[in-house]
Protein backbone atom coordinates (compact mmCIF):
# COMPACT_ATOMS: atom_id res chain seq x y z
CA MET A 1 15.97 -9.25 -8.74
CA SER A 2 12.56 -10.82 -9.14
CA ASN A 3 9.19 -11.03 -7.46
CA LYS A 4 10.80 -13.41 -4.99
CA THR A 5 12.12 -10.34 -3.17
CA LEU A 6 8.59 -9.77 -1.86
CA ILE A 7 7.80 -13.32 -0.74
CA ASN A 8 8.76 -12.82 2.90
CA SER A 9 7.47 -9.25 3.14
CA PRO A 10 4.04 -9.38 4.89
CA HIS A 11 1.24 -7.27 3.41
CA PRO A 12 3.06 -5.58 0.50
CA PRO A 13 1.27 -2.44 -0.76
CA ARG A 14 -1.18 -2.80 -3.66
CA SER A 15 -1.13 0.37 -5.75
CA PRO A 16 1.74 0.72 -8.26
CA ALA A 17 2.88 3.99 -6.68
CA ASP A 18 2.94 2.55 -3.17
CA ARG A 19 4.66 -0.60 -4.42
CA LEU A 20 7.36 1.54 -6.02
CA LEU A 21 7.92 3.40 -2.76
CA PHE A 22 7.98 0.08 -0.89
CA LEU A 23 10.52 -1.39 -3.30
CA LEU A 24 12.80 1.63 -3.12
CA LYS A 25 12.58 1.47 0.67
CA THR A 26 13.36 -2.24 0.90
CA GLN A 27 15.70 -2.66 -2.07
CA GLY A 28 17.47 0.70 -2.15
CA PRO A 29 18.02 2.90 -5.23
CA GLN A 30 16.97 1.21 -8.49
CA GLY A 31 16.67 1.90 -12.20
CA ALA A 32 13.30 2.01 -13.93
CA GLN A 33 13.96 -1.26 -15.78
CA ALA A 34 14.71 -3.16 -12.57
CA LEU A 35 11.59 -1.77 -10.91
CA ALA A 36 9.48 -2.60 -13.97
CA SER A 37 10.70 -6.21 -13.89
CA ILE A 38 9.70 -6.62 -10.25
CA LEU A 39 6.30 -5.00 -10.75
CA GLY A 40 5.63 -6.94 -13.95
CA VAL A 41 4.99 -3.80 -16.03
CA THR A 42 6.77 -2.12 -18.92
CA LYS A 43 9.72 0.18 -18.32
CA GLU A 44 7.68 3.11 -19.66
CA ALA A 45 4.83 2.41 -17.24
CA ALA A 46 7.25 2.30 -14.32
CA ARG A 47 8.88 5.51 -15.52
CA GLN A 48 5.51 7.30 -15.68
CA HIS A 49 4.74 6.28 -12.09
CA LEU A 50 8.20 7.45 -11.01
CA LEU A 51 7.73 10.81 -12.71
CA ARG A 52 4.44 11.33 -10.87
CA LEU A 53 6.13 10.42 -7.59
CA ALA A 54 8.94 12.84 -8.43
CA GLU A 55 6.40 15.63 -9.01
CA ALA A 56 5.02 14.86 -5.55
CA GLY A 57 8.51 15.18 -4.10
CA LEU A 58 8.70 11.53 -3.04
CA VAL A 59 11.49 10.25 -5.32
CA VAL A 60 14.49 11.76 -7.05
CA ALA A 61 16.68 10.49 -9.89
CA THR A 62 20.46 10.59 -10.21
CA SER A 63 22.65 9.47 -13.11
CA GLU A 64 25.17 6.67 -12.69
CA ILE A 65 27.75 5.47 -15.20
CA HIS A 66 28.13 1.70 -15.54
CA GLY A 67 30.88 0.83 -17.99
CA VAL A 68 30.61 2.07 -21.57
CA GLY A 69 27.45 3.77 -22.75
CA ARG A 70 24.93 6.31 -21.62
CA PRO A 71 24.49 7.06 -17.90
CA VAL A 72 21.75 5.08 -16.16
CA GLN A 73 19.03 6.92 -14.26
CA VAL A 74 18.67 5.57 -10.72
CA TRP A 75 15.72 6.44 -8.49
CA GLU A 76 15.68 6.76 -4.71
CA LEU A 77 13.40 8.01 -1.95
CA THR A 78 13.46 11.58 -0.73
CA GLU A 79 13.32 12.58 2.93
CA ALA A 80 9.63 13.39 2.46
CA ALA A 81 9.00 9.82 1.31
CA GLN A 82 10.87 8.39 4.29
CA LYS A 83 8.39 10.17 6.56
CA ARG A 84 5.52 8.17 5.01
CA PHE A 85 6.77 5.07 6.84
CA PRO A 86 5.93 4.50 10.53
CA ASP A 87 8.10 6.34 13.05
CA THR A 88 6.28 5.51 16.32
CA HIS A 89 5.94 9.13 17.38
CA ALA A 90 9.58 10.17 17.16
CA GLU A 91 9.31 13.49 18.98
CA LEU A 92 7.38 11.98 21.87
CA ALA A 93 9.90 9.14 22.21
CA THR A 94 12.97 11.35 22.23
CA GLY A 95 11.32 13.81 24.59
CA MET A 96 10.49 11.05 27.08
CA ILE A 97 14.02 9.65 26.89
CA GLU A 98 15.52 13.05 27.66
CA SER A 99 13.06 13.51 30.53
CA VAL A 100 13.99 10.15 32.04
CA ARG A 101 17.66 10.96 31.66
CA ALA A 102 17.22 14.35 33.33
CA LEU A 103 15.00 13.12 36.17
CA PHE A 104 16.53 9.74 37.00
CA GLY A 105 20.00 9.82 35.47
CA PRO A 106 21.78 6.96 33.64
CA ASP A 107 20.45 4.33 36.04
CA GLY A 108 16.89 5.38 35.35
CA LEU A 109 17.47 5.19 31.61
CA GLU A 110 18.96 1.71 31.95
CA ALA A 111 15.89 0.67 33.94
CA LEU A 112 13.67 1.96 31.11
CA ILE A 113 15.67 -0.03 28.54
CA ALA A 114 15.50 -3.16 30.73
CA ARG A 115 11.73 -2.78 31.10
CA ARG A 116 11.22 -2.47 27.35
CA GLU A 117 13.51 -5.44 26.77
CA GLN A 118 11.51 -7.59 29.18
CA GLU A 119 8.23 -6.66 27.51
CA SER A 120 9.72 -7.49 24.11
CA ARG A 121 11.14 -10.76 25.45
CA GLU A 122 7.73 -11.92 26.66
CA ARG A 123 6.07 -10.93 23.37
CA TYR A 124 8.69 -12.67 21.22
CA GLN A 125 8.81 -15.78 23.40
CA ALA A 126 5.07 -16.13 22.88
CA CYS A 127 5.37 -15.83 19.08
CA LEU A 128 8.27 -18.33 18.96
CA ARG A 129 6.56 -20.88 21.16
CA GLY A 130 6.08 -24.13 19.25
CA ALA A 131 8.69 -23.36 16.56
CA VAL A 132 10.50 -26.63 15.89
CA ASN A 133 13.67 -25.35 14.25
CA LEU A 134 15.76 -22.26 13.64
CA ARG A 135 14.14 -21.56 10.27
CA GLN A 136 10.69 -21.34 11.85
CA LYS A 137 12.03 -19.13 14.62
CA VAL A 138 13.57 -16.68 12.16
CA ALA A 139 10.39 -16.61 10.06
CA ARG A 140 8.19 -15.95 13.09
CA LEU A 141 10.54 -13.30 14.46
CA ALA A 142 10.55 -11.50 11.11
CA LYS A 143 6.75 -11.60 10.94
CA GLN A 144 6.48 -10.20 14.47
CA ARG A 145 8.96 -7.42 13.74
CA ALA A 146 7.16 -6.58 10.49
CA GLY A 147 3.96 -6.18 12.47
CA GLU A 148 5.76 -3.73 14.75
CA GLY A 149 6.70 -1.48 11.83
CA TYR A 150 10.24 -2.65 11.07
CA MET A 151 9.37 -3.73 7.51
CA ALA A 152 11.21 -6.94 8.33
CA GLU A 153 11.82 -9.83 5.97
CA TRP A 154 14.09 -12.84 5.97
CA ARG A 155 15.77 -15.21 3.59
CA PRO A 156 18.07 -18.23 3.72
CA GLU A 157 21.65 -17.57 2.70
CA GLY A 158 23.65 -20.75 2.38
CA ALA A 159 23.48 -22.55 5.71
CA ALA A 160 22.58 -19.31 7.48
CA PHE A 161 19.61 -16.93 7.52
CA VAL A 162 19.47 -13.17 7.02
CA LEU A 163 16.98 -11.00 8.89
CA LEU A 164 16.50 -7.62 7.21
CA GLU A 165 14.78 -4.65 8.81
CA ASN A 166 14.17 -2.04 6.13
CA HIS A 167 12.74 0.54 8.50
CA CYS A 168 13.24 1.48 12.14
CA PRO A 169 10.09 2.82 13.81
CA ILE A 170 12.13 3.73 16.91
CA CYS A 171 15.03 5.30 15.02
CA ALA A 172 14.72 8.64 16.79
CA ALA A 173 14.70 6.91 20.17
CA ALA A 174 17.69 4.77 19.17
CA VAL A 175 19.61 7.88 18.12
CA ALA A 176 18.83 9.48 21.48
CA CYS A 177 19.80 6.32 23.34
CA SER A 178 21.89 3.62 21.66
CA GLY A 179 21.02 1.26 24.48
CA PHE A 180 17.80 0.35 22.66
CA CYS A 181 19.82 -1.09 19.74
CA ARG A 182 22.21 -2.89 22.07
CA SER A 183 19.24 -4.37 23.89
CA GLU A 184 17.64 -5.66 20.67
CA LEU A 185 20.79 -7.46 19.54
CA GLN A 186 21.20 -9.11 22.94
CA LEU A 187 17.54 -10.12 22.93
CA PHE A 188 17.79 -11.75 19.48
CA ARG A 189 20.79 -13.75 20.67
CA GLU A 190 18.91 -14.87 23.75
CA LEU A 191 15.72 -15.80 21.88
CA LEU A 192 17.45 -17.87 19.22
CA GLY A 193 19.46 -19.63 21.89
CA PRO A 194 22.70 -21.58 21.76
CA GLU A 195 21.72 -23.20 18.47
CA ALA A 196 22.69 -20.05 16.55
CA THR A 197 25.04 -17.10 16.53
CA VAL A 198 23.56 -13.69 15.71
CA GLU A 199 25.60 -10.79 14.40
CA ARG A 200 24.45 -7.39 13.17
CA THR A 201 26.00 -6.90 9.73
CA ASP A 202 24.36 -3.56 8.84
CA HIS A 203 23.29 -0.86 11.23
CA LEU A 204 21.10 2.12 10.42
CA LEU A 205 22.83 4.25 13.03
CA ASP A 206 26.20 3.56 11.43
CA GLY A 207 25.02 5.00 8.12
CA ALA A 208 23.58 1.86 6.50
CA ARG A 209 20.17 2.17 4.84
CA ARG A 210 18.75 -0.60 7.03
CA CYS A 211 19.63 -3.02 9.82
CA ALA A 212 20.60 -6.57 8.92
CA TYR A 213 21.36 -9.61 11.04
CA ARG A 214 23.14 -12.81 10.02
CA ILE A 215 21.93 -15.85 11.93
CA THR A 216 24.22 -18.84 11.64
CA PRO A 217 23.28 -22.30 12.98
CA GLN A 218 25.76 -23.85 15.39
CA ARG A 219 26.79 -27.40 14.81
CA ALA A 220 25.77 -29.78 17.54
CA THR A 221 28.66 -30.75 19.79
């Protein structure tokens, strides 16, 4: 890994401690040496920051064995640290979903999902307007999603693009109603049009640490 991992991440945090939390959130569990390389500091400096975060209950270390030699200490976020990232009022969201379900039944819940999808469609269509190719569309979509709290970033991967969402601000709502996730995937496919296929390769609700989408250009026929 290198500093390039942060290029497409809008507004990365500035303090070393916050940057460490951000990196562990976006990159997953890491050793002190890998984190030091990304931050551009010594391994000892990174380790001192990690120890302070551990004292605050925000990170925890586990030992992993890689081949021959001493175990490697790998750091990851605790549940308390996860709560530092935006959750868009989880309790309120789940409570409203259950109320809609109870008052209006499945049809009412589907109407709620459709309404949210339409609002998102209009917002994303506006941000994609004027994009001249698929690369620009993916970049703009990632920027929009990042602004909504998804900690989104993107990167090219061969002829395709990968859209990564390292956080889900509506996770509690999505757990309560999977229709929100289904709606988002359908919306991405619609927005990027027939020039691309969109598949979800990682899904937070399936146990992955983030959601990921592979966007593959379609050859002109």
